[in-house]
């Protein structure tokens, strides 16, 4: 009798394990499908427009990931997009590989249509020769060049443009399809960066961390809930714009990892593995 009861209990436990292992990948697959749909904007109606700004593109949903905007809100959204780009370009610090244009009004012969910042952080400017630009923002460089050019041209009017941003990077690590460094050619939110990294794997958690290091060496850790972001319920802080040097870490989900292993090694092997304490 006791042997029969043990066998029945073992059958019930094994049946529950098999059910959970079969159901979990299906749930994971459904979740992945929903995440992909949400990330490309198919899960809810919306109006999308892309604004070209000095060679970059920004989707309105990256600035304000809310429901479909009415026509009365379009002006406010456009103003917000402009403000985001102004902030990005005005605070962007030049580095090797960046491409800029330097224009002097009524003096095209002294202007530079397109110049790449060298590996040592310099550009060639006809009136001044080699100019160190690395670490400077566009407003800072414009002021510096304006003062220097004033020795050759009376009351010069300079315009600077960041044509291609190549030096600013963010990292995306952990359970994503293609972890590594991303070049920030435009303002990026957390969702943008993870999407560019191929999205979160089935074994990844929806809770991610953002590591941010300041010039004084301090490191700040922020958190974001991707489920809230995809549903449009996240706070602005959770889906905030990233800064150059930020690192996003997508943590692994232990239970999803076990399910993935079980699909590879089989239920029997997994039960044996767990029964021996994972040795």
Protein backbone atom coordinates (compact mmCIF):
# COMPACT_ATOMS: atom_id res chain seq x y z
CA UNK A 1 0.00 0.00 0.00
CA UNK A 2 2.75 2.46 0.93
CA UNK A 3 4.64 1.67 -2.28
CA UNK A 4 1.47 2.34 -4.30
CA UNK A 5 0.95 5.73 -2.60
CA UNK A 6 4.57 6.75 -3.28
CA UNK A 7 4.19 5.83 -6.94
CA UNK A 8 0.96 7.84 -7.21
CA UNK A 9 2.55 10.89 -5.54
CA UNK A 10 5.59 10.67 -7.84
CA UNK A 11 3.25 10.46 -10.87
CA UNK A 12 1.33 13.56 -9.74
CA UNK A 13 4.55 15.54 -9.15
CA UNK A 14 6.03 14.47 -12.48
CA UNK A 15 2.77 15.36 -14.25
CA UNK A 16 2.79 18.83 -12.68
CA UNK A 17 6.42 19.34 -13.75
CA UNK A 18 5.66 18.28 -17.31
CA UNK A 19 2.62 20.60 -17.46
CA UNK A 20 4.63 23.55 -16.20
CA UNK A 21 7.50 22.89 -18.61
CA UNK A 22 5.11 22.57 -21.57
CA UNK A 23 3.01 25.60 -20.64
CA UNK A 24 5.86 27.93 -19.76
CA UNK A 25 7.47 28.03 -23.23
CA UNK A 26 4.02 28.68 -24.71
CA UNK A 27 3.48 31.58 -22.32
CA UNK A 28 7.00 32.83 -23.04
CA UNK A 29 6.31 32.64 -26.77
CA UNK A 30 3.02 34.54 -26.35
CA UNK A 31 4.76 37.15 -24.22
CA UNK A 32 7.51 37.51 -26.81
CA UNK A 33 4.91 37.94 -29.56
CA UNK A 34 3.11 40.63 -27.56
CA UNK A 35 6.40 42.39 -26.80
CA UNK A 36 7.42 42.44 -30.45
CA UNK A 37 4.04 43.79 -31.50
CA UNK A 38 4.15 46.46 -28.84
CA UNK A 39 7.70 47.45 -29.71
CA UNK A 40 6.79 48.11 -33.34
CA UNK A 41 3.60 49.87 -32.37
CA UNK A 42 1.06 47.30 -33.67
CA UNK A 43 -0.71 46.75 -30.37
CA UNK A 44 -2.50 50.10 -30.33
CA UNK A 45 -3.53 52.74 -32.88
CA UNK A 46 -1.26 55.73 -33.12
CA UNK A 47 -0.15 58.49 -35.41
CA UNK A 48 3.50 58.41 -36.29
CA UNK A 49 5.57 61.07 -37.96
CA UNK A 50 9.31 61.29 -38.31
CA UNK A 51 11.13 64.60 -38.17
CA UNK A 52 14.40 65.07 -39.97
CA UNK A 53 16.76 67.15 -37.91
CA UNK A 54 20.33 67.53 -39.13
CA UNK A 55 20.40 64.05 -40.58
CA UNK A 56 18.73 62.24 -37.64
CA UNK A 57 15.31 60.64 -37.27
CA UNK A 58 13.06 60.54 -34.24
CA UNK A 59 9.80 58.69 -33.86
CA UNK A 60 7.16 60.58 -31.91
CA UNK A 61 6.52 57.50 -29.78
CA UNK A 62 10.10 57.73 -28.49
CA UNK A 63 9.41 61.22 -27.17
CA UNK A 64 5.92 60.72 -25.84
CA UNK A 65 4.83 57.05 -25.78
CA UNK A 66 1.11 57.69 -25.14
CA UNK A 67 -2.07 56.81 -26.95
CA UNK A 68 -2.98 58.35 -30.31
CA UNK A 69 -2.61 62.12 -30.17
CA UNK A 70 -5.47 64.32 -31.32
CA UNK A 71 -4.87 67.08 -33.84
CA UNK A 72 -4.96 69.67 -31.06
CA UNK A 73 -1.95 67.97 -29.45
CA UNK A 74 0.20 67.86 -32.59
CA UNK A 75 1.69 71.31 -32.05
CA UNK A 76 2.64 70.42 -28.47
CA UNK A 77 4.19 67.13 -29.60
CA UNK A 78 6.16 68.88 -32.33
CA UNK A 79 7.40 71.44 -29.83
CA UNK A 80 8.50 68.63 -27.52
CA UNK A 81 10.36 66.90 -30.35
CA UNK A 82 12.18 70.13 -31.21
CA UNK A 83 13.11 70.65 -27.56
CA UNK A 84 14.50 67.12 -27.28
CA UNK A 85 16.71 67.56 -30.32
CA UNK A 86 17.90 70.99 -29.26
CA UNK A 87 18.84 69.58 -25.88
CA UNK A 88 20.62 66.60 -27.45
CA UNK A 89 22.67 68.62 -29.91
CA UNK A 90 23.41 71.50 -27.55
CA UNK A 91 24.71 69.15 -24.83
CA UNK A 92 26.46 66.68 -27.15
CA UNK A 93 30.23 66.69 -26.65
CA UNK A 94 32.24 66.16 -29.80
CA UNK A 95 34.59 63.22 -30.16
CA UNK A 96 36.59 61.30 -32.77
CA UNK A 97 34.54 60.22 -35.76
CA UNK A 98 31.90 62.93 -35.45
CA UNK A 99 31.21 64.91 -38.62
CA UNK A 100 30.42 68.62 -38.39
CA UNK A 101 29.87 71.57 -40.71
CA UNK A 102 31.19 75.09 -40.03
CA UNK A 103 29.60 77.87 -42.07
CA UNK A 104 30.47 81.58 -42.15
CA UNK A 105 27.77 83.82 -43.56
CA UNK A 106 28.86 85.50 -46.84
CA UNK A 107 32.22 83.72 -46.69
CA UNK A 108 31.74 80.33 -48.36
CA UNK A 109 35.43 80.13 -49.24
CA UNK A 110 36.29 80.06 -45.53
CA UNK A 111 33.50 77.65 -44.60
CA UNK A 112 33.77 73.89 -44.16
CA UNK A 113 30.84 71.94 -45.53
CA UNK A 114 31.82 68.65 -43.94
CA UNK A 115 34.77 67.68 -41.75
CA UNK A 116 35.45 64.62 -39.59
CA UNK A 117 36.93 64.90 -36.11
CA UNK A 118 40.30 63.15 -36.20
CA UNK A 119 41.33 60.36 -33.79
CA UNK A 120 43.20 63.00 -31.75
CA UNK A 121 40.11 65.21 -31.56
CA UNK A 122 40.91 67.91 -34.12
CA UNK A 123 39.42 69.36 -37.31
CA UNK A 124 41.02 71.49 -39.99
CA UNK A 125 39.54 74.99 -40.42
CA UNK A 126 40.98 77.13 -43.24
CA UNK A 127 41.38 80.37 -41.27
CA UNK A 128 42.77 78.75 -38.12
CA UNK A 129 44.43 75.50 -39.15
CA UNK A 130 44.00 72.51 -36.83
CA UNK A 131 41.47 73.21 -34.09
CA UNK A 132 40.93 70.97 -31.05
CA UNK A 133 37.21 70.27 -30.71
CA UNK A 134 37.06 67.07 -28.64
CA UNK A 135 35.02 67.47 -25.46
CA UNK A 136 33.37 70.70 -26.60
CA UNK A 137 29.66 71.19 -27.19
CA UNK A 138 28.49 72.93 -30.35
CA UNK A 139 27.65 76.19 -28.50
CA UNK A 140 31.08 76.16 -26.86
CA UNK A 141 32.84 75.54 -30.17
CA UNK A 142 30.77 78.20 -31.92
CA UNK A 143 31.75 80.79 -29.32
CA UNK A 144 35.42 79.80 -29.52
CA UNK A 145 35.53 79.91 -33.32
CA UNK A 146 33.58 83.16 -33.44
CA UNK A 147 36.13 84.91 -31.25
CA UNK A 148 39.05 83.46 -33.22
CA UNK A 149 37.62 84.25 -36.65
CA UNK A 150 36.85 87.83 -35.57
CA UNK A 151 40.56 88.56 -36.02
CA UNK A 152 40.16 87.94 -39.77
CA UNK A 153 36.51 88.78 -40.49
CA UNK A 154 34.59 91.71 -39.03
CA UNK A 155 31.56 90.59 -36.99
CA UNK A 156 31.47 87.04 -38.39
CA UNK A 157 28.23 85.08 -38.27
CA UNK A 158 28.98 81.39 -37.73
CA UNK A 159 26.66 78.42 -37.92
CA UNK A 160 27.70 74.96 -36.75
CA UNK A 161 25.92 71.70 -37.53
CA UNK A 162 26.43 68.20 -36.20
CA UNK A 163 26.01 66.18 -39.38
CA UNK A 164 26.81 62.74 -37.98
CA UNK A 165 27.15 61.80 -34.32
CA UNK A 166 29.49 58.82 -34.00
CA UNK A 167 31.40 59.18 -30.74
CA UNK A 168 28.55 58.98 -28.21
CA UNK A 169 27.75 55.39 -27.26
CA UNK A 170 25.57 53.45 -24.83
CA UNK A 171 25.96 49.82 -23.80
CA UNK A 172 23.25 47.16 -23.74
CA UNK A 173 24.32 44.02 -21.88
CA UNK A 174 22.70 40.86 -20.55
CA UNK A 175 19.82 38.85 -21.98
CA UNK A 176 19.33 40.67 -25.29
CA UNK A 177 19.80 39.29 -28.79
CA UNK A 178 22.87 41.37 -29.72
CA UNK A 179 24.56 42.81 -26.61
CA UNK A 180 27.22 45.43 -27.14
CA UNK A 181 27.73 49.14 -27.81
CA UNK A 182 25.28 51.32 -29.72
CA UNK A 183 26.17 54.61 -31.40
CA UNK A 184 23.85 57.43 -30.35
CA UNK A 185 23.11 59.12 -33.65
CA UNK A 186 19.95 60.62 -32.11
CA UNK A 187 18.25 60.83 -28.72
CA UNK A 188 17.49 57.34 -27.41
CA UNK A 189 15.19 56.11 -24.67
CA UNK A 190 15.59 52.81 -22.82
CA UNK A 191 13.09 51.07 -25.12
CA UNK A 192 14.86 52.41 -28.23
CA UNK A 193 18.23 51.02 -27.13
CA UNK A 194 16.86 47.58 -26.22
CA UNK A 195 15.01 47.41 -29.55
CA UNK A 196 18.21 48.28 -31.43
CA UNK A 197 19.94 45.48 -29.49
CA UNK A 198 17.46 42.97 -30.90
CA UNK A 199 15.03 42.90 -27.99
CA UNK A 200 14.92 40.92 -24.75
CA UNK A 201 15.43 37.15 -24.97
CA UNK A 202 12.94 34.66 -23.56
CA UNK A 203 15.30 34.18 -20.62
CA UNK A 204 15.46 37.92 -19.88
CA UNK A 205 13.60 39.72 -17.12
CA UNK A 206 11.34 42.68 -17.85
CA UNK A 207 13.04 44.62 -15.05
CA UNK A 208 16.23 46.26 -16.32
CA UNK A 209 18.92 48.44 -14.75
CA UNK A 210 20.59 51.56 -16.16
CA UNK A 211 24.08 52.33 -14.89
CA UNK A 212 25.16 55.96 -15.22
CA UNK A 213 28.62 57.25 -14.32
CA UNK A 214 29.28 60.91 -13.64
CA UNK A 215 32.45 62.89 -14.27
CA UNK A 216 33.36 62.75 -10.58
CA UNK A 217 33.32 58.93 -10.66
CA UNK A 218 29.96 58.42 -8.98
CA UNK A 219 27.79 55.65 -10.41
CA UNK A 220 24.01 55.86 -10.25
CA UNK A 221 21.73 52.87 -10.86
CA UNK A 222 18.26 53.46 -12.27
CA UNK A 223 15.58 50.84 -12.90
CA UNK A 224 12.93 50.42 -15.56
CA UNK A 225 9.99 48.05 -15.98
CA UNK A 226 9.72 47.12 -19.65
CA UNK A 227 6.18 45.77 -19.23
CA UNK A 228 5.02 49.20 -18.07
CA UNK A 229 6.94 50.91 -20.86
CA UNK A 230 5.41 48.69 -23.56
CA UNK A 231 1.92 49.34 -22.16
CA UNK A 232 2.53 53.09 -22.06
CA UNK A 233 2.12 53.16 -18.27
CA UNK A 234 5.71 53.95 -17.29
CA UNK A 235 6.71 57.22 -15.72
CA UNK A 236 8.97 59.57 -17.74
CA UNK A 237 11.82 58.62 -15.39
CA UNK A 238 11.48 54.89 -16.20
CA UNK A 239 11.71 55.42 -19.97
CA UNK A 240 14.03 58.40 -19.72
CA UNK A 241 16.38 59.58 -22.42
CA UNK A 242 19.78 57.96 -22.14
CA UNK A 243 23.03 59.83 -21.78
CA UNK A 244 26.25 58.97 -23.60
CA UNK A 245 28.10 56.36 -21.55
CA UNK A 246 24.98 54.82 -19.98
CA UNK A 247 24.86 51.03 -19.73
CA UNK A 248 21.61 49.07 -19.77
CA UNK A 249 21.68 45.66 -18.08
CA UNK A 250 18.90 43.18 -18.89
CA UNK A 251 18.92 40.65 -16.07
CA UNK A 252 18.26 36.95 -16.60
CA UNK A 253 15.04 35.35 -15.37
CA UNK A 254 15.91 32.17 -13.42
CA UNK A 255 12.61 30.40 -14.09
CA UNK A 256 12.69 31.15 -17.80
CA UNK A 257 16.26 29.87 -17.90
CA UNK A 258 15.18 26.58 -16.26
CA UNK A 259 12.38 26.22 -18.81
CA UNK A 260 14.83 26.80 -21.66
CA UNK A 261 17.23 24.20 -20.25
CA UNK A 262 14.40 21.71 -19.81
CA UNK A 263 13.44 22.01 -23.47
CA UNK A 264 17.01 21.11 -24.40
CA UNK A 265 17.88 18.33 -21.95
CA UNK A 266 14.42 16.86 -21.36
CA UNK A 267 12.24 16.58 -18.26
CA UNK A 268 13.83 13.38 -16.92
CA UNK A 269 17.36 14.77 -17.06
CA UNK A 270 16.22 18.02 -15.44
CA UNK A 271 14.47 16.21 -12.57
CA UNK A 272 17.62 14.16 -12.00
CA UNK A 273 19.73 17.33 -12.13
CA UNK A 274 17.55 19.15 -9.58
CA UNK A 275 17.21 16.15 -7.30
CA UNK A 276 20.99 16.09 -6.92
CA UNK A 277 21.11 19.72 -5.92
CA UNK A 278 22.10 21.00 -9.35
CA UNK A 279 25.43 19.18 -9.34
